Amino acid sequence: MSLVLENVSKIYHDGPKEFRAVDDVSLEVKQGEFVAIIGPSGSGKSTMLSIAGALLSPSEGKVFLHGEDITNLSTKKITEKRRDEIGFVFQAANLIPYLKVKDQLNLIDVLSKHKREKRSIELLEHFGLAHRINKYPNELSGGERQRVAIARALINDPQLILADEPTASLDSKRGREVVELLADEIKNRGKSGIMVTHDERVLDVCDRVISIRDGKIEKQ
């Protein structure tokens, strides 16, 4: 398994009261598998995604990435793990307004300059953005900005891709294009992916759909 959450909980305290944002969740995602997580607002979807991506530490349980227990790694090692092995795609593209498209992908310097530039060109061509490399974010459509954000998330060839509401600001056609791009990268390049979404129109693109409510995964 590429990603395993084992009896994971995230607990917050307000005085004597306890709130379980995620409650004893176990999940396995295989290599080449694209999983959608759905559920009402406040159900724990994004918290679970943040734990999977090592942005949050679980209060209980363990997280394994490629068989390695990453639950209690040092801050330095967790940062390296996120940088090298995990790609994040968020609801907002979060592009830097004063950088051209070609420069948005060169912010992460793990790869050598030559490899980074080569990979950037490959990704932008693959996502149909080669003709937009000298454009600034305000010159792009919403769908184009999100495609640039996906390309940026993939620049280091991460093995785990996590997407949080990637279609929220897009119309139906552009949203589906974005999810299909993610699915193509995950399935054809042997990666693993999780997408949190409210958009039921794109669920058929995923291999599996998991529903979460009140911090718990509902029985399928």
C-alpha atoms as a PDB file:
ATOM      1  CA  MET A   1       0.000   0.000   0.000  1.00  0.00           C
ATOM      2  CA  SER A   2       1.220   3.492  -0.789  1.00  0.00           C
ATOM      3  CA  LEU A   3      -0.699   5.209   2.038  1.00  0.00           C
ATOM      4  CA  VAL A   4      -2.151   3.684   5.178  1.00  0.00           C
ATOM      5  CA  LEU A   5      -4.040   5.448   7.954  1.00  0.00           C
ATOM      6  CA  GLU A   6      -4.342   3.131  10.928  1.00  0.00           C
ATOM      7  CA  ASN A   7      -6.968   3.948  13.602  1.00  0.00           C
ATOM      8  CA  VAL A   8      -6.314   7.665  13.202  1.00  0.00           C
ATOM      9  CA  SER A   9      -8.064  10.279  15.341  1.00  0.00           C
ATOM     10  CA  LYS A  10      -7.664  14.048  15.642  1.00  0.00           C
ATOM     11  CA  ILE A  11      -8.914  15.356  18.975  1.00  0.00           C
ATOM     12  CA  TYR A  12      -9.391  18.963  20.017  1.00  0.00           C
ATOM     13  CA  HIS A  13     -10.186  20.117  23.539  1.00  0.00           C
ATOM     14  CA  ASP A  14     -12.262  23.076  24.682  1.00  0.00           C
ATOM     15  CA  GLY A  15     -11.888  22.972  28.443  1.00  0.00           C
ATOM     16  CA  PRO A  16     -13.335  19.667  29.615  1.00  0.00           C
ATOM     17  CA  LYS A  17     -15.072  19.074  26.296  1.00  0.00           C
ATOM     18  CA  GLU A  18     -13.522  16.831  23.656  1.00  0.00           C
ATOM     19  CA  PHE A  19     -14.183  17.137  19.933  1.00  0.00           C
ATOM     20  CA  ARG A  20     -13.065  14.410  17.544  1.00  0.00           C
ATOM     21  CA  ALA A  21     -12.639  15.988  14.110  1.00  0.00           C
ATOM     22  CA  VAL A  22     -11.470  12.576  12.869  1.00  0.00           C
ATOM     23  CA  ASP A  23     -12.526   9.542  14.846  1.00  0.00           C
ATOM     24  CA  ASP A  24     -10.721   6.186  14.582  1.00  0.00           C
ATOM     25  CA  VAL A  25     -10.329   6.250  10.799  1.00  0.00           C
ATOM     26  CA  SER A  26      -8.501   3.518   8.911  1.00  0.00           C
ATOM     27  CA  LEU A  27      -7.836   3.829   5.189  1.00  0.00           C
ATOM     28  CA  GLU A  28      -5.581   2.191   2.633  1.00  0.00           C
ATOM     29  CA  VAL A  29      -4.815   3.659  -0.786  1.00  0.00           C
ATOM     30  CA  LYS A  30      -2.998   1.522  -3.316  1.00  0.00           C
ATOM     31  CA  GLN A  31      -0.465   2.575  -5.886  1.00  0.00           C
ATOM     32  CA  GLY A  32      -2.330   3.715  -9.013  1.00  0.00           C
ATOM     33  CA  GLU A  33      -5.579   4.269  -7.098  1.00  0.00           C
ATOM     34  CA  PHE A  34      -7.570   7.528  -7.064  1.00  0.00           C
ATOM     35  CA  VAL A  35      -9.933   7.812  -4.090  1.00  0.00           C
ATOM     36  CA  ALA A  36     -12.625  10.451  -3.555  1.00  0.00           C
ATOM     37  CA  ILE A  37     -13.732  11.486  -0.072  1.00  0.00           C
ATOM     38  CA  ILE A  38     -17.179  13.030   0.253  1.00  0.00           C
ATOM     39  CA  GLY A  39     -19.319  14.227   3.144  1.00  0.00           C
ATOM     40  CA  PRO A  40     -21.070  17.291   4.552  1.00  0.00           C
ATOM     41  CA  SER A  41     -19.174  20.401   5.638  1.00  0.00           C
ATOM     42  CA  GLY A  42     -17.492  19.888   8.994  1.00  0.00           C
ATOM     43  CA  SER A  43     -17.444  16.108   8.649  1.00  0.00           C
ATOM     44  CA  GLY A  44     -13.657  15.831   8.937  1.00  0.00           C
ATOM     45  CA  LYS A  45     -12.715  15.412   5.270  1.00  0.00           C
ATOM     46  CA  SER A  46     -10.078  18.125   5.083  1.00  0.00           C
ATOM     47  CA  THR A  47      -8.676  17.222   8.499  1.00  0.00           C
ATOM     48  CA  MET A  48      -8.220  13.646   7.352  1.00  0.00           C
ATOM     49  CA  LEU A  49      -6.534  14.848   4.160  1.00  0.00           C
ATOM     50  CA  SER A  50      -4.194  17.066   6.189  1.00  0.00           C
ATOM     51  CA  ILE A  51      -3.214  14.107   8.356  1.00  0.00           C
ATOM     52  CA  ALA A  52      -2.609  11.969   5.256  1.00  0.00           C
ATOM     53  CA  GLY A  53      -0.343  14.703   3.892  1.00  0.00           C
ATOM     54  CA  ALA A  54       1.593  15.170   7.141  1.00  0.00           C
ATOM     55  CA  LEU A  55       0.283  18.722   7.534  1.00  0.00           C
ATOM     56  CA  LEU A  56      -1.355  17.676  10.807  1.00  0.00           C
ATOM     57  CA  SER A  57      -0.225  15.081  13.331  1.00  0.00           C
ATOM     58  CA  PRO A  58      -2.865  12.622  14.517  1.00  0.00           C
ATOM     59  CA  SER A  59      -3.781  12.591  18.195  1.00  0.00           C
ATOM     60  CA  GLU A  60      -4.068   8.820  17.991  1.00  0.00           C
ATOM     61  CA  GLY A  61      -3.159   6.181  15.434  1.00  0.00           C
ATOM     62  CA  LYS A  62      -0.443   5.943  12.795  1.00  0.00           C
ATOM     63  CA  VAL A  63       0.249   7.067   9.238  1.00  0.00           C
ATOM     64  CA  PHE A  64       2.372   4.974   6.888  1.00  0.00           C
ATOM     65  CA  LEU A  65       3.761   6.189   3.568  1.00  0.00           C
ATOM     66  CA  HIS A  66       5.306   3.489   1.361  1.00  0.00           C
ATOM     67  CA  GLY A  67       5.547   1.253   4.435  1.00  0.00           C
ATOM     68  CA  GLU A  68       7.334   3.866   6.567  1.00  0.00           C
ATOM     69  CA  ASP A  69       5.705   5.067   9.772  1.00  0.00           C
ATOM     70  CA  ILE A  70       5.798   8.860   9.421  1.00  0.00           C
ATOM     71  CA  THR A  71       3.638   9.592  12.472  1.00  0.00           C
ATOM     72  CA  ASN A  72       6.408  10.732  14.801  1.00  0.00           C
ATOM     73  CA  LEU A  73       9.135  11.897  12.458  1.00  0.00           C
ATOM     74  CA  SER A  74      11.014  15.063  13.348  1.00  0.00           C
ATOM     75  CA  THR A  75       9.799  18.369  11.948  1.00  0.00           C
ATOM     76  CA  LYS A  76      12.769  18.415   9.560  1.00  0.00           C
ATOM     77  CA  LYS A  77      12.088  14.920   8.228  1.00  0.00           C
ATOM     78  CA  ILE A  78       8.343  15.556   7.909  1.00  0.00           C
ATOM     79  CA  THR A  79       9.068  18.717   5.915  1.00  0.00           C
ATOM     80  CA  GLU A  80      11.374  16.764   3.613  1.00  0.00           C
ATOM     81  CA  LYS A  81       8.776  14.027   3.224  1.00  0.00           C
ATOM     82  CA  ARG A  82       6.093  16.527   2.175  1.00  0.00           C
ATOM     83  CA  ARG A  83       8.483  18.241  -0.219  1.00  0.00           C
ATOM     84  CA  ASP A  84       9.815  15.097  -1.856  1.00  0.00           C
ATOM     85  CA  GLU A  85       6.933  12.622  -1.851  1.00  0.00           C
ATOM     86  CA  ILE A  86       3.620  14.476  -1.562  1.00  0.00           C
ATOM     87  CA  GLY A  87       1.938  16.850  -4.000  1.00  0.00           C
ATOM     88  CA  PHE A  88      -0.859  19.151  -2.801  1.00  0.00           C
ATOM     89  CA  VAL A  89      -3.618  20.701  -4.920  1.00  0.00           C
ATOM     90  CA  PHE A  90      -5.932  23.128  -3.118  1.00  0.00           C
ATOM     91  CA  GLN A  91      -9.258  24.800  -3.878  1.00  0.00           C
ATOM     92  CA  ALA A  92      -7.494  28.055  -4.742  1.00  0.00           C
ATOM     93  CA  ALA A  93      -4.624  27.849  -7.201  1.00  0.00           C
ATOM     94  CA  ASN A  94      -2.511  30.095  -4.940  1.00  0.00           C
ATOM     95  CA  LEU A  95      -0.260  31.199  -7.772  1.00  0.00           C
ATOM     96  CA  ILE A  96       2.174  34.035  -7.116  1.00  0.00           C
ATOM     97  CA  PRO A  97       0.722  37.026  -9.014  1.00  0.00           C
ATOM     98  CA  TYR A  98       4.028  38.546 -10.136  1.00  0.00           C
ATOM     99  CA  LEU A  99       5.500  35.327 -11.566  1.00  0.00           C
ATOM    100  CA  LYS A 100       4.923  34.048 -15.083  1.00  0.00           C
ATOM    101  CA  VAL A 101       3.619  30.529 -15.579  1.00  0.00           C
ATOM    102  CA  LYS A 102       7.077  29.132 -16.401  1.00  0.00           C
ATOM    103  CA  ASP A 103       8.431  30.532 -13.125  1.00  0.00           C
ATOM    104  CA  GLN A 104       5.611  29.224 -10.915  1.00  0.00           C
ATOM    105  CA  LEU A 105       7.001  25.708 -11.334  1.00  0.00           C
ATOM    106  CA  ASN A 106      10.582  26.658 -10.545  1.00  0.00           C
ATOM    107  CA  LEU A 107      10.009  27.675  -6.942  1.00  0.00           C
ATOM    108  CA  ILE A 108      10.827  24.243  -5.523  1.00  0.00           C
ATOM    109  CA  ASP A 109      14.544  23.631  -5.836  1.00  0.00           C
ATOM    110  CA  VAL A 110      14.902  19.960  -4.932  1.00  0.00           C
ATOM    111  CA  LEU A 111      15.730  19.099  -8.542  1.00  0.00           C
ATOM    112  CA  SER A 112      18.724  20.524 -10.356  1.00  0.00           C
ATOM    113  CA  LYS A 113      17.958  23.611 -12.424  1.00  0.00           C
ATOM    114  CA  HIS A 114      18.253  21.660 -15.676  1.00  0.00           C
ATOM    115  CA  LYS A 115      15.965  18.819 -14.515  1.00  0.00           C
ATOM    116  CA  ARG A 116      13.474  21.283 -13.077  1.00  0.00           C
ATOM    117  CA  GLU A 117      13.252  23.280 -16.296  1.00  0.00           C
ATOM    118  CA  LYS A 118      12.933  20.098 -18.376  1.00  0.00           C
ATOM    119  CA  ARG A 119      10.203  18.722 -16.106  1.00  0.00           C
ATOM    120  CA  SER A 120       8.392  22.093 -16.149  1.00  0.00           C
ATOM    121  CA  ILE A 121       8.237  22.117 -19.930  1.00  0.00           C
ATOM    122  CA  GLU A 122       7.029  18.506 -20.027  1.00  0.00           C
ATOM    123  CA  LEU A 123       4.235  19.178 -17.526  1.00  0.00           C
ATOM    124  CA  LEU A 124       3.067  22.406 -19.163  1.00  0.00           C
ATOM    125  CA  GLU A 125       2.968  20.719 -22.553  1.00  0.00           C
ATOM    126  CA  HIS A 126       1.110  17.752 -21.099  1.00  0.00           C
ATOM    127  CA  PHE A 127      -1.487  20.052 -19.530  1.00  0.00           C
ATOM    128  CA  GLY A 128      -1.940  22.106 -22.689  1.00  0.00           C
ATOM    129  CA  LEU A 129      -0.240  25.195 -21.296  1.00  0.00           C
ATOM    130  CA  ALA A 130       2.873  25.440 -23.452  1.00  0.00           C
ATOM    131  CA  HIS A 131       1.475  28.512 -25.215  1.00  0.00           C
ATOM    132  CA  ARG A 132       0.835  30.237 -21.866  1.00  0.00           C
ATOM    133  CA  ILE A 133       4.285  29.963 -20.264  1.00  0.00           C
ATOM    134  CA  ASN A 134       4.962  33.704 -20.440  1.00  0.00           C
ATOM    135  CA  LYS A 135       1.576  34.723 -19.057  1.00  0.00           C
ATOM    136  CA  TYR A 136       0.877  35.994 -15.546  1.00  0.00           C
ATOM    137  CA  PRO A 137      -1.890  34.434 -13.389  1.00  0.00           C
ATOM    138  CA  ASN A 138      -4.309  37.323 -14.050  1.00  0.00           C
ATOM    139  CA  GLU A 139      -4.041  36.567 -17.772  1.00  0.00           C
ATOM    140  CA  LEU A 140      -5.219  32.968 -17.314  1.00  0.00           C
ATOM    141  CA  SER A 141      -8.682  31.466 -17.019  1.00  0.00           C
ATOM    142  CA  GLY A 142      -9.708  29.728 -13.794  1.00  0.00           C
ATOM    143  CA  GLY A 143      -9.156  26.324 -15.376  1.00  0.00           C
ATOM    144  CA  GLU A 144      -5.716  27.324 -16.634  1.00  0.00           C
ATOM    145  CA  ARG A 145      -4.682  28.599 -13.208  1.00  0.00           C
ATOM    146  CA  GLN A 146      -5.743  25.339 -11.612  1.00  0.00           C
ATOM    147  CA  ARG A 147      -3.823  23.351 -14.236  1.00  0.00           C
ATOM    148  CA  VAL A 148      -0.708  25.390 -13.454  1.00  0.00           C
ATOM    149  CA  ALA A 149      -1.247  24.625  -9.754  1.00  0.00           C
ATOM    150  CA  ILE A 150      -1.473  20.901 -10.528  1.00  0.00           C
ATOM    151  CA  ALA A 151       1.674  21.066 -12.643  1.00  0.00           C
ATOM    152  CA  ARG A 152       3.450  22.829  -9.779  1.00  0.00           C
ATOM    153  CA  ALA A 153       2.303  20.111  -7.354  1.00  0.00           C
ATOM    154  CA  LEU A 154       3.757  17.458  -9.667  1.00  0.00           C
ATOM    155  CA  ILE A 155       7.106  19.102 -10.396  1.00  0.00           C
ATOM    156  CA  ASN A 156       9.009  16.817  -7.995  1.00  0.00           C
ATOM    157  CA  ASP A 157       7.195  13.705  -9.260  1.00  0.00           C
ATOM    158  CA  PRO A 158       5.481  12.964  -5.895  1.00  0.00           C
ATOM    159  CA  GLN A 159       4.120   9.498  -5.308  1.00  0.00           C
ATOM    160  CA  LEU A 160       1.113  10.715  -3.307  1.00  0.00           C
ATOM    161  CA  ILE A 161      -1.223  13.427  -4.658  1.00  0.00           C
ATOM    162  CA  LEU A 162      -3.748  15.077  -2.338  1.00  0.00           C
ATOM    163  CA  ALA A 163      -6.414  17.422  -3.693  1.00  0.00           C
ATOM    164  CA  ASP A 164      -8.780  19.480  -1.519  1.00  0.00           C
ATOM    165  CA  GLU A 165     -11.862  20.684  -3.449  1.00  0.00           C
ATOM    166  CA  PRO A 166      -9.874  21.240  -6.677  1.00  0.00           C
ATOM    167  CA  THR A 167     -13.029  21.979  -8.732  1.00  0.00           C
ATOM    168  CA  ALA A 168     -14.764  24.343  -6.292  1.00  0.00           C
ATOM    169  CA  SER A 169     -14.051  27.523  -8.282  1.00  0.00           C
ATOM    170  CA  LEU A 170     -14.533  25.975 -11.726  1.00  0.00           C
ATOM    171  CA  ASP A 171     -17.512  25.364 -13.970  1.00  0.00           C
ATOM    172  CA  SER A 172     -18.573  21.815 -14.746  1.00  0.00           C
ATOM    173  CA  LYS A 173     -16.498  21.412 -17.916  1.00  0.00           C
ATOM    174  CA  ARG A 174     -13.281  22.878 -16.499  1.00  0.00           C
ATOM    175  CA  GLY A 175     -13.738  21.021 -13.233  1.00  0.00           C
ATOM    176  CA  ARG A 176     -13.986  17.707 -14.982  1.00  0.00           C
ATOM    177  CA  GLU A 177     -10.910  18.487 -17.075  1.00  0.00           C
ATOM    178  CA  VAL A 178      -8.909  19.165 -13.918  1.00  0.00           C
ATOM    179  CA  VAL A 179     -10.005  15.925 -12.220  1.00  0.00           C
ATOM    180  CA  GLU A 180      -9.311  13.907 -15.355  1.00  0.00           C
ATOM    181  CA  LEU A 181      -5.793  15.360 -15.448  1.00  0.00           C
ATOM    182  CA  LEU A 182      -5.254  14.272 -11.851  1.00  0.00           C
ATOM    183  CA  ALA A 183      -6.657  10.810 -12.547  1.00  0.00           C
ATOM    184  CA  ASP A 184      -4.442  10.417 -15.605  1.00  0.00           C
ATOM    185  CA  GLU A 185      -1.319  11.292 -13.613  1.00  0.00           C
ATOM    186  CA  ILE A 186      -2.245   8.949 -10.773  1.00  0.00           C
ATOM    187  CA  LYS A 187      -3.325   5.934 -12.799  1.00  0.00           C
ATOM    188  CA  ASN A 188      -0.885   6.061 -15.703  1.00  0.00           C
ATOM    189  CA  ARG A 189       2.193   6.945 -13.647  1.00  0.00           C
ATOM    190  CA  GLY A 190       1.536   4.583 -10.749  1.00  0.00           C
ATOM    191  CA  LYS A 191       0.940   7.211  -8.078  1.00  0.00           C
ATOM    192  CA  SER A 192      -1.718   7.296  -5.352  1.00  0.00           C
ATOM    193  CA  GLY A 193      -4.311  10.027  -4.952  1.00  0.00           C
ATOM    194  CA  ILE A 194      -7.020  11.278  -2.616  1.00  0.00           C
ATOM    195  CA  MET A 195      -9.470  14.023  -3.519  1.00  0.00           C
ATOM    196  CA  VAL A 196     -11.839  15.705  -1.086  1.00  0.00           C
ATOM    197  CA  THR A 197     -14.819  17.020  -3.031  1.00  0.00           C
ATOM    198  CA  HIS A 198     -18.435  18.129  -2.909  1.00  0.00           C
ATOM    199  CA  ASP A 199     -18.652  17.796  -6.691  1.00  0.00           C
ATOM    200  CA  GLU A 200     -20.598  14.615  -7.400  1.00  0.00           C
ATOM    201  CA  ARG A 201     -20.257  15.200 -11.150  1.00  0.00           C
ATOM    202  CA  VAL A 202     -16.644  13.982 -11.103  1.00  0.00           C
ATOM    203  CA  LEU A 203     -16.955  10.956  -8.829  1.00  0.00           C
ATOM    204  CA  ASP A 204     -17.105   8.563 -11.774  1.00  0.00           C
ATOM    205  CA  VAL A 205     -13.517   9.510 -12.615  1.00  0.00           C
ATOM    206  CA  CYS A 206     -12.340   8.032  -9.293  1.00  0.00           C
ATOM    207  CA  ASP A 207     -11.716   4.376  -8.528  1.00  0.00           C
ATOM    208  CA  ARG A 208     -13.401   4.475  -5.145  1.00  0.00           C
ATOM    209  CA  VAL A 209     -15.652   6.860  -3.220  1.00  0.00           C
ATOM    210  CA  ILE A 210     -15.538   7.048   0.584  1.00  0.00           C
ATOM    211  CA  SER A 211     -18.126   8.910   2.634  1.00  0.00           C
ATOM    212  CA  ILE A 212     -17.222  10.495   5.962  1.00  0.00           C
ATOM    213  CA  ARG A 213     -19.628  11.890   8.551  1.00  0.00           C
ATOM    214  CA  ASP A 214     -18.917  13.191  12.057  1.00  0.00           C
ATOM    215  CA  GLY A 215     -15.278  12.204  11.673  1.00  0.00           C
ATOM    216  CA  LYS A 216     -16.027   8.567  10.854  1.00  0.00           C
ATOM    217  CA  ILE A 217     -15.932   6.673   7.568  1.00  0.00           C
ATOM    218  CA  GLU A 218     -19.410   5.375   6.816  1.00  0.00           C
ATOM    219  CA  LYS A 219     -19.811   1.723   5.907  1.00  0.00           C
ATOM    220  CA  GLN A 220     -19.997   1.210   2.152  1.00  0.00           C
END
